PDB file of N, CA and C in Angstrom:
ATOM      1  N   UNK A   1      18.967  38.678 -20.943  1.00  0.00           N
ATOM      2  CA  UNK A   1      18.565  37.595 -20.078  1.00  0.00           C
ATOM      3  C   UNK A   1      17.545  38.053 -19.062  1.00  0.00           C
ATOM      4  N   UNK A   2      17.027  39.194 -19.143  1.00  0.00           N
ATOM      5  CA  UNK A   2      15.963  39.720 -18.297  1.00  0.00           C
ATOM      6  C   UNK A   2      16.295  39.677 -16.812  1.00  0.00           C
ATOM      7  N   UNK A   3      17.557  39.868 -16.475  1.00  0.00           N
ATOM      8  CA  UNK A   3      17.922  39.921 -15.074  1.00  0.00           C
ATOM      9  C   UNK A   3      18.014  38.566 -14.385  1.00  0.00           C
ATOM     10  N   UNK A   4      17.767  37.467 -15.084  1.00  0.00           N
ATOM     11  CA  UNK A   4      17.863  36.152 -14.449  1.00  0.00           C
ATOM     12  C   UNK A   4      19.245  35.575 -14.694  1.00  0.00           C
ATOM     13  N   UNK A   5      19.683  34.796 -13.774  1.00  0.00           N
ATOM     14  CA  UNK A   5      20.994  34.185 -13.888  1.00  0.00           C
ATOM     15  C   UNK A   5      20.920  33.025 -14.867  1.00  0.00           C
ATOM     16  N   UNK A   6      21.923  32.913 -15.694  1.00  0.00           N
ATOM     17  CA  UNK A   6      21.993  31.794 -16.618  1.00  0.00           C
ATOM     18  C   UNK A   6      22.547  30.589 -15.866  1.00  0.00           C
ATOM     19  N   UNK A   7      21.821  29.510 -15.875  1.00  0.00           N
ATOM     20  CA  UNK A   7      22.267  28.301 -15.194  1.00  0.00           C
ATOM     21  C   UNK A   7      22.497  27.208 -16.214  1.00  0.00           C
ATOM     22  N   UNK A   8      23.446  26.373 -15.917  1.00  0.00           N
ATOM     23  CA  UNK A   8      23.708  25.238 -16.787  1.00  0.00           C
ATOM     24  C   UNK A   8      22.588  24.219 -16.613  1.00  0.00           C
ATOM     25  N   UNK A   9      22.280  23.542 -17.685  1.00  0.00           N
ATOM     26  CA  UNK A   9      21.228  22.522 -17.632  1.00  0.00           C
ATOM     27  C   UNK A   9      21.695  21.370 -16.756  1.00  0.00           C
ATOM     28  N   UNK A  10      20.876  21.030 -15.779  1.00  0.00           N
ATOM     29  CA  UNK A  10      21.212  19.929 -14.888  1.00  0.00           C
ATOM     30  C   UNK A  10      20.743  18.634 -15.515  1.00  0.00           C
ATOM     31  N   UNK A  11      21.584  17.600 -15.454  1.00  0.00           N
ATOM     32  CA  UNK A  11      21.150  16.312 -15.997  1.00  0.00           C
ATOM     33  C   UNK A  11      20.045  15.731 -15.134  1.00  0.00           C
ATOM     34  N   UNK A  12      19.193  14.905 -15.710  1.00  0.00           N
ATOM     35  CA  UNK A  12      18.129  14.291 -14.897  1.00  0.00           C
ATOM     36  C   UNK A  12      18.732  13.359 -13.850  1.00  0.00           C
ATOM     37  N   UNK A  13      18.053  13.209 -12.724  1.00  0.00           N
ATOM     38  CA  UNK A  13      18.601  12.339 -11.672  1.00  0.00           C
ATOM     39  C   UNK A  13      18.601  10.876 -12.115  1.00  0.00           C
ATOM     40  N   UNK A  14      19.594  10.150 -11.652  1.00  0.00           N
ATOM     41  CA  UNK A  14      19.659   8.723 -11.942  1.00  0.00           C
ATOM     42  C   UNK A  14      18.781   7.964 -10.953  1.00  0.00           C
ATOM     43  N   UNK A  15      18.475   6.731 -11.276  1.00  0.00           N
ATOM     44  CA  UNK A  15      17.618   5.928 -10.410  1.00  0.00           C
ATOM     45  C   UNK A  15      18.312   5.668  -9.061  1.00  0.00           C
ATOM     46  N   UNK A  16      19.643   5.597  -9.065  1.00  0.00           N
ATOM     47  CA  UNK A  16      20.367   5.361  -7.811  1.00  0.00           C
ATOM     48  C   UNK A  16      20.311   6.559  -6.878  1.00  0.00           C
ATOM     49  N   UNK A  17      20.057   7.757  -7.411  1.00  0.00           N
ATOM     50  CA  UNK A  17      19.972   8.932  -6.545  1.00  0.00           C
ATOM     51  C   UNK A  17      18.726   8.900  -5.665  1.00  0.00           C
ATOM     52  N   UNK A  18      17.752   8.073  -6.014  1.00  0.00           N
ATOM     53  CA  UNK A  18      16.533   7.977  -5.219  1.00  0.00           C
ATOM     54  C   UNK A  18      16.664   6.975  -4.073  1.00  0.00           C
ATOM     55  N   UNK A  19      17.808   6.307  -3.959  1.00  0.00           N
ATOM     56  CA  UNK A  19      17.984   5.322  -2.895  1.00  0.00           C
ATOM     57  C   UNK A  19      18.240   5.954  -1.533  1.00  0.00           C
ATOM     58  N   UNK A  20      18.326   7.281  -1.478  1.00  0.00           N
ATOM     59  CA  UNK A  20      18.464   7.952  -0.184  1.00  0.00           C
ATOM     60  C   UNK A  20      17.115   8.084   0.512  1.00  0.00           C
ATOM     61  N   UNK A  21      16.045   7.792  -0.191  1.00  0.00           N
ATOM     62  CA  UNK A  21      14.692   7.902   0.343  1.00  0.00           C
ATOM     63  C   UNK A  21      14.234   6.524   0.808  1.00  0.00           C
ATOM     64  N   UNK A  22      14.000   6.362   2.110  1.00  0.00           N
ATOM     65  CA  UNK A  22      13.686   5.055   2.697  1.00  0.00           C
ATOM     66  C   UNK A  22      12.443   4.383   2.097  1.00  0.00           C
ATOM     67  N   UNK A  23      11.339   5.094   1.840  1.00  0.00           N
ATOM     68  CA  UNK A  23      10.203   4.420   1.219  1.00  0.00           C
ATOM     69  C   UNK A  23      10.526   3.857  -0.173  1.00  0.00           C
ATOM     70  N   UNK A  24      11.359   4.574  -0.935  1.00  0.00           N
ATOM     71  CA  UNK A  24      11.743   4.065  -2.242  1.00  0.00           C
ATOM     72  C   UNK A  24      12.643   2.839  -2.123  1.00  0.00           C
ATOM     73  N   UNK A  25      13.484   2.798  -1.099  1.00  0.00           N
ATOM     74  CA  UNK A  25      14.314   1.617  -0.861  1.00  0.00           C
ATOM     75  C   UNK A  25      13.420   0.416  -0.555  1.00  0.00           C
ATOM     76  N   UNK A  26      12.402   0.624   0.276  1.00  0.00           N
ATOM     77  CA  UNK A  26      11.452  -0.463   0.573  1.00  0.00           C
ATOM     78  C   UNK A  26      10.748  -0.924  -0.697  1.00  0.00           C
ATOM     79  N   UNK A  27      10.422   0.013  -1.563  1.00  0.00           N
ATOM     80  CA  UNK A  27       9.760  -0.344  -2.820  1.00  0.00           C
ATOM     81  C   UNK A  27      10.668  -1.188  -3.698  1.00  0.00           C
ATOM     82  N   UNK A  28      11.936  -0.789  -3.805  1.00  0.00           N
ATOM     83  CA  UNK A  28      12.874  -1.560  -4.627  1.00  0.00           C
ATOM     84  C   UNK A  28      13.118  -2.946  -4.046  1.00  0.00           C
ATOM     85  N   UNK A  29      13.187  -3.069  -2.734  1.00  0.00           N
ATOM     86  CA  UNK A  29      13.376  -4.383  -2.107  1.00  0.00           C
ATOM     87  C   UNK A  29      12.142  -5.255  -2.349  1.00  0.00           C
ATOM     88  N   UNK A  30      10.952  -4.655  -2.259  1.00  0.00           N
ATOM     89  CA  UNK A  30       9.729  -5.402  -2.569  1.00  0.00           C
ATOM     90  C   UNK A  30       9.690  -5.861  -4.008  1.00  0.00           C
ATOM     91  N   UNK A  31      10.170  -5.016  -4.923  1.00  0.00           N
ATOM     92  CA  UNK A  31      10.238  -5.411  -6.333  1.00  0.00           C
ATOM     93  C   UNK A  31      11.220  -6.558  -6.523  1.00  0.00           C
ATOM     94  N   UNK A  32      12.344  -6.517  -5.813  1.00  0.00           N
ATOM     95  CA  UNK A  32      13.309  -7.614  -5.893  1.00  0.00           C
ATOM     96  C   UNK A  32      12.707  -8.913  -5.372  1.00  0.00           C
ATOM     97  N   UNK A  33      11.942  -8.836  -4.287  1.00  0.00           N
ATOM     98  CA  UNK A  33      11.272 -10.038  -3.757  1.00  0.00           C
ATOM     99  C   UNK A  33      10.298 -10.607  -4.780  1.00  0.00           C
ATOM    100  N   UNK A  34       9.607  -9.723  -5.481  1.00  0.00           N
ATOM    101  CA  UNK A  34       8.663 -10.176  -6.507  1.00  0.00           C
ATOM    102  C   UNK A  34       9.384 -10.839  -7.666  1.00  0.00           C
ATOM    103  N   UNK A  35      10.507 -10.268  -8.085  1.00  0.00           N
ATOM    104  CA  UNK A  35      11.282 -10.861  -9.176  1.00  0.00           C
ATOM    105  C   UNK A  35      11.807 -12.226  -8.764  1.00  0.00           C
ATOM    106  N   UNK A  36      12.271 -12.342  -7.529  1.00  0.00           N
ATOM    107  CA  UNK A  36      12.716 -13.652  -7.048  1.00  0.00           C
ATOM    108  C   UNK A  36      11.554 -14.640  -6.979  1.00  0.00           C
ATOM    109  N   UNK A  37      10.376 -14.174  -6.600  1.00  0.00           N
ATOM    110  CA  UNK A  37       9.206 -15.051  -6.563  1.00  0.00           C
ATOM    111  C   UNK A  37       8.870 -15.562  -7.959  1.00  0.00           C
ATOM    112  N   UNK A  38       8.965 -14.703  -8.953  1.00  0.00           N
ATOM    113  CA  UNK A  38       8.722 -15.125 -10.335  1.00  0.00           C
ATOM    114  C   UNK A  38       9.776 -16.140 -10.766  1.00  0.00           C
ATOM    115  N   UNK A  39      11.034 -15.872 -10.431  1.00  0.00           N
ATOM    116  CA  UNK A  39      12.113 -16.800 -10.773  1.00  0.00           C
ATOM    117  C   UNK A  39      11.886 -18.164 -10.121  1.00  0.00           C
ATOM    118  N   UNK A  40      11.561 -18.177  -8.836  1.00  0.00           N
ATOM    119  CA  UNK A  40      11.338 -19.445  -8.150  1.00  0.00           C
ATOM    120  C   UNK A  40      10.107 -20.164  -8.694  1.00  0.00           C
ATOM    121  N   UNK A  41       9.113 -19.430  -9.157  1.00  0.00           N
ATOM    122  CA  UNK A  41       7.949 -20.071  -9.782  1.00  0.00           C
ATOM    123  C   UNK A  41       8.356 -20.786 -11.061  1.00  0.00           C
ATOM    124  N   UNK A  42       9.213 -20.143 -11.836  1.00  0.00           N
ATOM    125  CA  UNK A  42       9.642 -20.725 -13.111  1.00  0.00           C
ATOM    126  C   UNK A  42      10.464 -21.988 -12.901  1.00  0.00           C
ATOM    127  N   UNK A  43      11.345 -21.983 -11.884  1.00  0.00           N
ATOM    128  CA  UNK A  43      12.187 -23.170 -11.678  1.00  0.00           C
ATOM    129  C   UNK A  43      11.489 -24.253 -10.866  1.00  0.00           C
ATOM    130  N   UNK A  44      10.287 -23.971 -10.378  1.00  0.00           N
ATOM    131  CA  UNK A  44       9.510 -24.997  -9.698  1.00  0.00           C
ATOM    132  C   UNK A  44       9.655 -25.044  -8.189  1.00  0.00           C
ATOM    133  N   UNK A  45      10.276 -24.039  -7.603  1.00  0.00           N
ATOM    134  CA  UNK A  45      10.406 -23.983  -6.149  1.00  0.00           C
ATOM    135  C   UNK A  45       9.252 -23.139  -5.604  1.00  0.00           C
ATOM    136  N   UNK A  46       8.106 -23.799  -5.440  1.00  0.00           N
ATOM    137  CA  UNK A  46       6.865 -23.077  -5.148  1.00  0.00           C
ATOM    138  C   UNK A  46       6.824 -22.500  -3.736  1.00  0.00           C
ATOM    139  N   UNK A  47       7.432 -23.196  -2.775  1.00  0.00           N
ATOM    140  CA  UNK A  47       7.457 -22.654  -1.419  1.00  0.00           C
ATOM    141  C   UNK A  47       8.272 -21.363  -1.365  1.00  0.00           C
ATOM    142  N   UNK A  48       9.413 -21.359  -2.043  1.00  0.00           N
ATOM    143  CA  UNK A  48      10.245 -20.155  -2.078  1.00  0.00           C
ATOM    144  C   UNK A  48       9.518 -19.026  -2.806  1.00  0.00           C
ATOM    145  N   UNK A  49       8.765 -19.366  -3.842  1.00  0.00           N
ATOM    146  CA  UNK A  49       7.997 -18.348  -4.568  1.00  0.00           C
ATOM    147  C   UNK A  49       6.935 -17.729  -3.666  1.00  0.00           C
ATOM    148  N   UNK A  50       6.266 -18.562  -2.885  1.00  0.00           N
ATOM    149  CA  UNK A  50       5.250 -18.029  -1.973  1.00  0.00           C
ATOM    150  C   UNK A  50       5.872 -17.138  -0.894  1.00  0.00           C
ATOM    151  N   UNK A  51       7.016 -17.539  -0.390  1.00  0.00           N
ATOM    152  CA  UNK A  51       7.700 -16.715   0.612  1.00  0.00           C
ATOM    153  C   UNK A  51       8.096 -15.380   0.007  1.00  0.00           C
ATOM    154  N   UNK A  52       8.603 -15.394  -1.217  1.00  0.00           N
ATOM    155  CA  UNK A  52       8.948 -14.145  -1.898  1.00  0.00           C
ATOM    156  C   UNK A  52       7.747 -13.251  -2.098  1.00  0.00           C
ATOM    157  N   UNK A  53       6.605 -13.831  -2.420  1.00  0.00           N
ATOM    158  CA  UNK A  53       5.394 -13.038  -2.610  1.00  0.00           C
ATOM    159  C   UNK A  53       4.915 -12.432  -1.285  1.00  0.00           C
ATOM    160  N   UNK A  54       5.026 -13.178  -0.205  1.00  0.00           N
ATOM    161  CA  UNK A  54       4.628 -12.653   1.100  1.00  0.00           C
ATOM    162  C   UNK A  54       5.537 -11.493   1.505  1.00  0.00           C
ATOM    163  N   UNK A  55       6.844 -11.642   1.289  1.00  0.00           N
ATOM    164  CA  UNK A  55       7.764 -10.553   1.607  1.00  0.00           C
ATOM    165  C   UNK A  55       7.501  -9.332   0.731  1.00  0.00           C
ATOM    166  N   UNK A  56       7.149  -9.552  -0.540  1.00  0.00           N
ATOM    167  CA  UNK A  56       6.834  -8.428  -1.427  1.00  0.00           C
ATOM    168  C   UNK A  56       5.626  -7.650  -0.919  1.00  0.00           C
ATOM    169  N   UNK A  57       4.614  -8.358  -0.454  1.00  0.00           N
ATOM    170  CA  UNK A  57       3.430  -7.693   0.098  1.00  0.00           C
ATOM    171  C   UNK A  57       3.800  -6.938   1.375  1.00  0.00           C
ATOM    172  N   UNK A  58       4.652  -7.527   2.206  1.00  0.00           N
ATOM    173  CA  UNK A  58       5.070  -6.864   3.444  1.00  0.00           C
ATOM    174  C   UNK A  58       5.831  -5.567   3.145  1.00  0.00           C
ATOM    175  N   UNK A  59       6.728  -5.604   2.166  1.00  0.00           N
ATOM    176  CA  UNK A  59       7.463  -4.392   1.814  1.00  0.00           C
ATOM    177  C   UNK A  59       6.556  -3.367   1.152  1.00  0.00           C
ATOM    178  N   UNK A  60       5.566  -3.810   0.390  1.00  0.00           N
ATOM    179  CA  UNK A  60       4.614  -2.882  -0.218  1.00  0.00           C
ATOM    180  C   UNK A  60       3.812  -2.164   0.861  1.00  0.00           C
ATOM    181  N   UNK A  61       3.421  -2.889   1.876  1.00  0.00           N
ATOM    182  CA  UNK A  61       2.700  -2.290   2.998  1.00  0.00           C
ATOM    183  C   UNK A  61       3.612  -1.320   3.760  1.00  0.00           C
ATOM    184  N   UNK A  62       4.863  -1.741   3.999  1.00  0.00           N
ATOM    185  CA  UNK A  62       5.789  -0.934   4.793  1.00  0.00           C
ATOM    186  C   UNK A  62       6.168   0.359   4.081  1.00  0.00           C
ATOM    187  N   UNK A  63       6.347   0.322   2.767  1.00  0.00           N
ATOM    188  CA  UNK A  63       6.766   1.551   2.092  1.00  0.00           C
ATOM    189  C   UNK A  63       5.673   2.616   2.137  1.00  0.00           C
ATOM    190  N   UNK A  64       4.432   2.220   2.058  1.00  0.00           N
ATOM    191  CA  UNK A  64       3.346   3.190   2.177  1.00  0.00           C
ATOM    192  C   UNK A  64       3.251   3.768   3.570  1.00  0.00           C
ATOM    193  N   UNK A  65       3.424   2.920   4.567  1.00  0.00           N
ATOM    194  CA  UNK A  65       3.381   3.375   5.955  1.00  0.00           C
ATOM    195  C   UNK A  65       4.525   4.348   6.248  1.00  0.00           C
ATOM    196  N   UNK A  66       5.709   4.014   5.805  1.00  0.00           N
ATOM    197  CA  UNK A  66       6.869   4.881   6.029  1.00  0.00           C
ATOM    198  C   UNK A  66       6.712   6.194   5.273  1.00  0.00           C
ATOM    199  N   UNK A  67       6.232   6.124   4.038  1.00  0.00           N
ATOM    200  CA  UNK A  67       6.095   7.335   3.223  1.00  0.00           C
ATOM    201  C   UNK A  67       5.104   8.322   3.835  1.00  0.00           C
ATOM    202  N   UNK A  68       4.036   7.823   4.428  1.00  0.00           N
ATOM    203  CA  UNK A  68       3.052   8.721   5.046  1.00  0.00           C
ATOM    204  C   UNK A  68       3.588   9.376   6.310  1.00  0.00           C
ATOM    205  N   UNK A  69       4.471   8.702   7.017  1.00  0.00           N
ATOM    206  CA  UNK A  69       4.978   9.235   8.288  1.00  0.00           C
ATOM    207  C   UNK A  69       6.275  10.017   8.142  1.00  0.00           C
ATOM    208  N   UNK A  70       6.937   9.899   6.995  1.00  0.00           N
ATOM    209  CA  UNK A  70       8.244  10.522   6.826  1.00  0.00           C
ATOM    210  C   UNK A  70       8.101  11.981   6.428  1.00  0.00           C
ATOM    211  N   UNK A  71       8.871  12.828   7.087  1.00  0.00           N
ATOM    212  CA  UNK A  71       8.860  14.255   6.788  1.00  0.00           C
ATOM    213  C   UNK A  71      10.061  14.599   5.906  1.00  0.00           C
ATOM    214  N   UNK A  72       9.929  15.652   5.139  1.00  0.00           N
ATOM    215  CA  UNK A  72      11.053  16.154   4.367  1.00  0.00           C
ATOM    216  C   UNK A  72      11.301  15.466   3.046  1.00  0.00           C
ATOM    217  N   UNK A  73      10.341  14.750   2.523  1.00  0.00           N
ATOM    218  CA  UNK A  73      10.513  14.112   1.214  1.00  0.00           C
ATOM    219  C   UNK A  73      10.328  15.160   0.123  1.00  0.00           C
ATOM    220  N   UNK A  74      11.122  15.070  -0.933  1.00  0.00           N
ATOM    221  CA  UNK A  74      11.008  16.013  -2.039  1.00  0.00           C
ATOM    222  C   UNK A  74       9.895  15.577  -2.981  1.00  0.00           C
ATOM    223  N   UNK A  75       9.506  16.485  -3.833  1.00  0.00           N
ATOM    224  CA  UNK A  75       8.473  16.171  -4.820  1.00  0.00           C
ATOM    225  C   UNK A  75       8.902  15.078  -5.780  1.00  0.00           C
ATOM    226  N   UNK A  76      10.190  15.073  -6.123  1.00  0.00           N
ATOM    227  CA  UNK A  76      10.692  14.033  -7.034  1.00  0.00           C
ATOM    228  C   UNK A  76      10.649  12.661  -6.363  1.00  0.00           C
ATOM    229  N   UNK A  77      10.991  12.622  -5.079  1.00  0.00           N
ATOM    230  CA  UNK A  77      10.927  11.348  -4.359  1.00  0.00           C
ATOM    231  C   UNK A  77       9.494  10.829  -4.294  1.00  0.00           C
ATOM    232  N   UNK A  78       8.558  11.731  -4.053  1.00  0.00           N
ATOM    233  CA  UNK A  78       7.149  11.331  -3.990  1.00  0.00           C
ATOM    234  C   UNK A  78       6.647  10.864  -5.356  1.00  0.00           C
ATOM    235  N   UNK A  79       7.071  11.564  -6.416  1.00  0.00           N
ATOM    236  CA  UNK A  79       6.634  11.193  -7.768  1.00  0.00           C
ATOM    237  C   UNK A  79       7.157   9.815  -8.145  1.00  0.00           C
ATOM    238  N   UNK A  80       8.438   9.571  -7.874  1.00  0.00           N
ATOM    239  CA  UNK A  80       8.993   8.253  -8.177  1.00  0.00           C
ATOM    240  C   UNK A  80       8.315   7.187  -7.335  1.00  0.00           C
ATOM    241  N   UNK A  81       8.061   7.489  -6.061  1.00  0.00           N
ATOM    242  CA  UNK A  81       7.399   6.524  -5.192  1.00  0.00           C
ATOM    243  C   UNK A  81       6.020   6.141  -5.686  1.00  0.00           C
ATOM    244  N   UNK A  82       5.277   7.121  -6.180  1.00  0.00           N
ATOM    245  CA  UNK A  82       3.952   6.834  -6.733  1.00  0.00           C
ATOM    246  C   UNK A  82       4.023   5.951  -7.969  1.00  0.00           C
ATOM    247  N   UNK A  83       4.981   6.244  -8.842  1.00  0.00           N
ATOM    248  CA  UNK A  83       5.138   5.433 -10.047  1.00  0.00           C
ATOM    249  C   UNK A  83       5.618   4.022  -9.705  1.00  0.00           C
ATOM    250  N   UNK A  84       6.544   3.931  -8.755  1.00  0.00           N
ATOM    251  CA  UNK A  84       7.020   2.615  -8.327  1.00  0.00           C
ATOM    252  C   UNK A  84       5.895   1.790  -7.713  1.00  0.00           C
ATOM    253  N   UNK A  85       5.047   2.429  -6.950  1.00  0.00           N
ATOM    254  CA  UNK A  85       3.952   1.715  -6.303  1.00  0.00           C
ATOM    255  C   UNK A  85       3.018   1.095  -7.340  1.00  0.00           C
ATOM    256  N   UNK A  86       2.723   1.841  -8.392  1.00  0.00           N
ATOM    257  CA  UNK A  86       1.856   1.302  -9.445  1.00  0.00           C
ATOM    258  C   UNK A  86       2.532   0.117 -10.143  1.00  0.00           C
ATOM    259  N   UNK A  87       3.810   0.274 -10.472  1.00  0.00           N
ATOM    260  CA  UNK A  87       4.548  -0.806 -11.134  1.00  0.00           C
ATOM    261  C   UNK A  87       4.598  -2.053 -10.255  1.00  0.00           C
ATOM    262  N   UNK A  88       4.917  -1.856  -8.989  1.00  0.00           N
ATOM    263  CA  UNK A  88       5.058  -3.001  -8.089  1.00  0.00           C
ATOM    264  C   UNK A  88       3.714  -3.673  -7.836  1.00  0.00           C
ATOM    265  N   UNK A  89       2.644  -2.895  -7.771  1.00  0.00           N
ATOM    266  CA  UNK A  89       1.317  -3.500  -7.612  1.00  0.00           C
ATOM    267  C   UNK A  89       0.973  -4.390  -8.797  1.00  0.00           C
ATOM    268  N   UNK A  90       1.288  -3.941  -9.996  1.00  0.00           N
ATOM    269  CA  UNK A  90       1.008  -4.751 -11.192  1.00  0.00           C
ATOM    270  C   UNK A  90       1.818  -6.036 -11.165  1.00  0.00           C
ATOM    271  N   UNK A  91       3.099  -5.917 -10.852  1.00  0.00           N
ATOM    272  CA  UNK A  91       3.969  -7.096 -10.867  1.00  0.00           C
ATOM    273  C   UNK A  91       3.659  -8.021  -9.690  1.00  0.00           C
ATOM    274  N   UNK A  92       3.477  -7.446  -8.496  1.00  0.00           N
ATOM    275  CA  UNK A  92       3.276  -8.267  -7.297  1.00  0.00           C
ATOM    276  C   UNK A  92       1.921  -8.944  -7.257  1.00  0.00           C
ATOM    277  N   UNK A  93       0.886  -8.219  -7.665  1.00  0.00           N
ATOM    278  CA  UNK A  93      -0.475  -8.752  -7.534  1.00  0.00           C
ATOM    279  C   UNK A  93      -1.049  -9.268  -8.843  1.00  0.00           C
ATOM    280  N   UNK A  94      -0.307  -9.113  -9.933  1.00  0.00           N
ATOM    281  CA  UNK A  94      -0.789  -9.593 -11.220  1.00  0.00           C
ATOM    282  C   UNK A  94       0.124 -10.640 -11.828  1.00  0.00           C
ATOM    283  N   UNK A  95       1.351 -10.239 -12.100  1.00  0.00           N
ATOM    284  CA  UNK A  95       2.280 -11.104 -12.822  1.00  0.00           C
ATOM    285  C   UNK A  95       2.765 -12.267 -11.954  1.00  0.00           C
ATOM    286  N   UNK A  96       3.208 -11.998 -10.740  1.00  0.00           N
ATOM    287  CA  UNK A  96       3.765 -13.070  -9.896  1.00  0.00           C
ATOM    288  C   UNK A  96       2.743 -14.153  -9.576  1.00  0.00           C
ATOM    289  N   UNK A  97       1.499 -13.816  -9.153  1.00  0.00           N
ATOM    290  CA  UNK A  97       0.526 -14.899  -8.927  1.00  0.00           C
ATOM    291  C   UNK A  97       0.175 -15.659 -10.202  1.00  0.00           C
ATOM    292  N   UNK A  98       0.134 -14.950 -11.330  1.00  0.00           N
ATOM    293  CA  UNK A  98      -0.159 -15.640 -12.596  1.00  0.00           C
ATOM    294  C   UNK A  98       0.959 -16.614 -12.946  1.00  0.00           C
ATOM    295  N   UNK A  99       2.204 -16.198 -12.736  1.00  0.00           N
ATOM    296  CA  UNK A  99       3.324 -17.096 -13.018  1.00  0.00           C
ATOM    297  C   UNK A  99       3.300 -18.302 -12.077  1.00  0.00           C
ATOM    298  N   UNK A 100       2.934 -18.092 -10.835  1.00  0.00           N
ATOM    299  CA  UNK A 100       2.864 -19.197  -9.884  1.00  0.00           C
ATOM    300  C   UNK A 100       1.762 -20.184 -10.290  1.00  0.00           C
ATOM    301  N   UNK A 101       0.613 -19.651 -10.673  1.00  0.00           N
ATOM    302  CA  UNK A 101      -0.495 -20.530 -11.069  1.00  0.00           C
ATOM    303  C   UNK A 101      -0.209 -21.254 -12.377  1.00  0.00           C
ATOM    304  N   UNK A 102       0.451 -20.592 -13.311  1.00  0.00           N
ATOM    305  CA  UNK A 102       0.751 -21.219 -14.585  1.00  0.00           C
ATOM    306  C   UNK A 102       1.908 -22.218 -14.503  1.00  0.00           C
ATOM    307  N   UNK A 103       2.693 -22.118 -13.447  1.00  0.00           N
ATOM    308  CA  UNK A 103       3.808 -23.062 -13.286  1.00  0.00           C
ATOM    309  C   UNK A 103       3.254 -24.341 -12.731  1.00  0.00           C
TER     310      UNK A 103
END
């Protein structure tokens, strides 16, 4: 073993393990607001859909602000945050407005 300690393979982290990171929590809440906005667009409650979209944008703004100011974030937290940001941008600024307009 060349002098290195044998370690057991660690399982990959679950998505819930990232909820200890505040910027990621903001991202997930923003994604939930976007999903609710899409749902309200489909059922025809357009005012509620617009409110959901505004809250999604607010959480998207807040998670970036918090992430830049927060110290002690791990590389995995930052990597997930970057991937979440791309996903949420696509859903919040692409899919949700399209669903609202098509409804």
